[in-house]
Amino acid sequence: MPKSTPLSEGLAYEGFEIYASYVVNATGMHIGTLKVVRKRDRRVLYPFDGCATIGPFESSEDARRAAEALGQQLVEADIANPEP
């Protein structure tokens, strides 16, 4: 099982932790996994109840890239309009 690792430094946002990875489901498809944490208050922005599944994808790279892209979108949205 792949480990969830932070995005490379070039993609990371200073005030956030973004962990993107993937799992393989029972049908052999790859599902992206993601955890986004705002550092200043340790609030988990993702995952949340009712969040959509990231995928499925045929390759692990596609699943991880989709998770990374979603993580970046969530961080940019929180920077623009922070949740309390």
C-alpha atoms as a PDB file:
ATOM      1  CA  MET A   1       0.000   0.000   0.000  1.00  0.00           C
ATOM      2  CA  PRO A   2       1.482   3.388  -0.947  1.00  0.00           C
ATOM      3  CA  LYS A   3       2.242   5.872   1.789  1.00  0.00           C
ATOM      4  CA  SER A   4       0.637   9.271   1.802  1.00  0.00           C
ATOM      5  CA  THR A   5       3.407  11.820   1.385  1.00  0.00           C
ATOM      6  CA  PRO A   6       3.401  15.614   1.343  1.00  0.00           C
ATOM      7  CA  LEU A   7       3.575  17.332  -2.008  1.00  0.00           C
ATOM      8  CA  SER A   8       7.050  18.226  -3.189  1.00  0.00           C
ATOM      9  CA  GLU A   9       8.315  21.533  -1.828  1.00  0.00           C
ATOM     10  CA  GLY A  10       7.715  23.276  -5.137  1.00  0.00           C
ATOM     11  CA  LEU A  11       4.009  22.439  -4.959  1.00  0.00           C
ATOM     12  CA  ALA A  12       3.463  22.907  -1.218  1.00  0.00           C
ATOM     13  CA  TYR A  13       1.718  25.888   0.295  1.00  0.00           C
ATOM     14  CA  GLU A  14       3.419  27.325   3.368  1.00  0.00           C
ATOM     15  CA  GLY A  15       0.425  27.419   5.721  1.00  0.00           C
ATOM     16  CA  PHE A  16      -0.993  24.033   4.725  1.00  0.00           C
ATOM     17  CA  GLU A  17      -0.117  20.361   4.689  1.00  0.00           C
ATOM     18  CA  ILE A  18      -1.305  18.449   1.616  1.00  0.00           C
ATOM     19  CA  TYR A  19      -0.996  14.662   1.584  1.00  0.00           C
ATOM     20  CA  ALA A  20      -1.941  12.976  -1.687  1.00  0.00           C
ATOM     21  CA  SER A  21      -1.826   9.274  -2.427  1.00  0.00           C
ATOM     22  CA  TYR A  22      -3.993   6.490  -3.847  1.00  0.00           C
ATOM     23  CA  VAL A  23      -5.510   3.112  -3.041  1.00  0.00           C
ATOM     24  CA  VAL A  24      -6.503   0.275  -5.328  1.00  0.00           C
ATOM     25  CA  ASN A  25     -10.134  -0.805  -5.031  1.00  0.00           C
ATOM     26  CA  ALA A  26     -11.574  -4.318  -5.395  1.00  0.00           C
ATOM     27  CA  THR A  27     -11.937  -3.930  -9.174  1.00  0.00           C
ATOM     28  CA  GLY A  28      -8.273  -2.960  -9.630  1.00  0.00           C
ATOM     29  CA  MET A  29      -8.987   0.729 -10.250  1.00  0.00           C
ATOM     30  CA  HIS A  30      -6.982   3.454  -8.497  1.00  0.00           C
ATOM     31  CA  ILE A  31      -8.748   5.890  -6.166  1.00  0.00           C
ATOM     32  CA  GLY A  32      -7.033   9.112  -5.085  1.00  0.00           C
ATOM     33  CA  THR A  33      -6.728   9.822  -1.384  1.00  0.00           C
ATOM     34  CA  LEU A  34      -6.180  13.264   0.071  1.00  0.00           C
ATOM     35  CA  LYS A  35      -5.733  15.023   3.386  1.00  0.00           C
ATOM     36  CA  VAL A  36      -5.450  18.816   3.597  1.00  0.00           C
ATOM     37  CA  VAL A  37      -4.656  20.462   6.949  1.00  0.00           C
ATOM     38  CA  ARG A  38      -4.471  24.199   7.667  1.00  0.00           C
ATOM     39  CA  LYS A  39      -1.415  24.545   9.929  1.00  0.00           C
ATOM     40  CA  ARG A  40      -2.365  27.585  11.994  1.00  0.00           C
ATOM     41  CA  ASP A  41      -5.345  25.906  13.662  1.00  0.00           C
ATOM     42  CA  ARG A  42      -4.712  22.266  12.616  1.00  0.00           C
ATOM     43  CA  ARG A  43      -8.119  22.189  10.932  1.00  0.00           C
ATOM     44  CA  VAL A  44      -8.634  19.301   8.510  1.00  0.00           C
ATOM     45  CA  LEU A  45     -10.116  20.822   5.364  1.00  0.00           C
ATOM     46  CA  TYR A  46     -10.302  17.514   3.505  1.00  0.00           C
ATOM     47  CA  PRO A  47     -11.618  14.869   3.730  1.00  0.00           C
ATOM     48  CA  PHE A  48     -15.006  15.853   5.076  1.00  0.00           C
ATOM     49  CA  ASP A  49     -18.344  14.052   5.405  1.00  0.00           C
ATOM     50  CA  GLY A  50     -19.934  13.640   2.012  1.00  0.00           C
ATOM     51  CA  CYS A  51     -16.834  14.440  -0.059  1.00  0.00           C
ATOM     52  CA  ALA A  52     -16.718  12.875  -3.502  1.00  0.00           C
ATOM     53  CA  THR A  53     -14.447   9.987  -4.413  1.00  0.00           C
ATOM     54  CA  ILE A  54     -11.344  11.012  -6.356  1.00  0.00           C
ATOM     55  CA  GLY A  55     -11.536   8.684  -9.318  1.00  0.00           C
ATOM     56  CA  PRO A  56     -11.511   5.884 -10.251  1.00  0.00           C
ATOM     57  CA  PHE A  57      -8.480   5.975 -12.524  1.00  0.00           C
ATOM     58  CA  GLU A  58      -6.607   3.300 -14.432  1.00  0.00           C
ATOM     59  CA  SER A  59      -3.173   4.332 -13.157  1.00  0.00           C
ATOM     60  CA  SER A  60      -1.721   5.272  -9.794  1.00  0.00           C
ATOM     61  CA  GLU A  61      -0.098   8.388 -11.293  1.00  0.00           C
ATOM     62  CA  ASP A  62      -3.448   9.691 -12.549  1.00  0.00           C
ATOM     63  CA  ALA A  63      -5.070   9.084  -9.167  1.00  0.00           C
ATOM     64  CA  ARG A  64      -2.260  10.838  -7.275  1.00  0.00           C
ATOM     65  CA  ARG A  65      -2.204  13.784  -9.722  1.00  0.00           C
ATOM     66  CA  ALA A  66      -5.972  14.229  -9.364  1.00  0.00           C
ATOM     67  CA  ALA A  67      -5.647  14.195  -5.577  1.00  0.00           C
ATOM     68  CA  GLU A  68      -2.799  16.742  -5.710  1.00  0.00           C
ATOM     69  CA  ALA A  69      -4.802  19.010  -8.023  1.00  0.00           C
ATOM     70  CA  LEU A  70      -7.833  18.863  -5.739  1.00  0.00           C
ATOM     71  CA  GLY A  71      -5.615  19.612  -2.736  1.00  0.00           C
ATOM     72  CA  GLN A  72      -4.195  22.675  -4.450  1.00  0.00           C
ATOM     73  CA  GLN A  73      -7.692  23.868  -5.414  1.00  0.00           C
ATOM     74  CA  LEU A  74      -8.883  23.508  -1.816  1.00  0.00           C
ATOM     75  CA  VAL A  75      -5.899  25.434  -0.452  1.00  0.00           C
ATOM     76  CA  GLU A  76      -6.344  28.228  -2.976  1.00  0.00           C
ATOM     77  CA  ALA A  77     -10.060  28.421  -2.136  1.00  0.00           C
ATOM     78  CA  ASP A  78      -9.287  28.567   1.606  1.00  0.00           C
ATOM     79  CA  ILE A  79      -6.699  31.302   1.074  1.00  0.00           C
ATOM     80  CA  ALA A  80      -9.228  33.326  -0.943  1.00  0.00           C
ATOM     81  CA  ASN A  81     -12.118  32.686   1.461  1.00  0.00           C
ATOM     82  CA  PRO A  82     -10.963  31.103   4.749  1.00  0.00           C
ATOM     83  CA  GLU A  83     -13.362  28.918   6.682  1.00  0.00           C
ATOM     84  CA  PRO A  84     -13.654  29.828  10.358  1.00  0.00           C
END
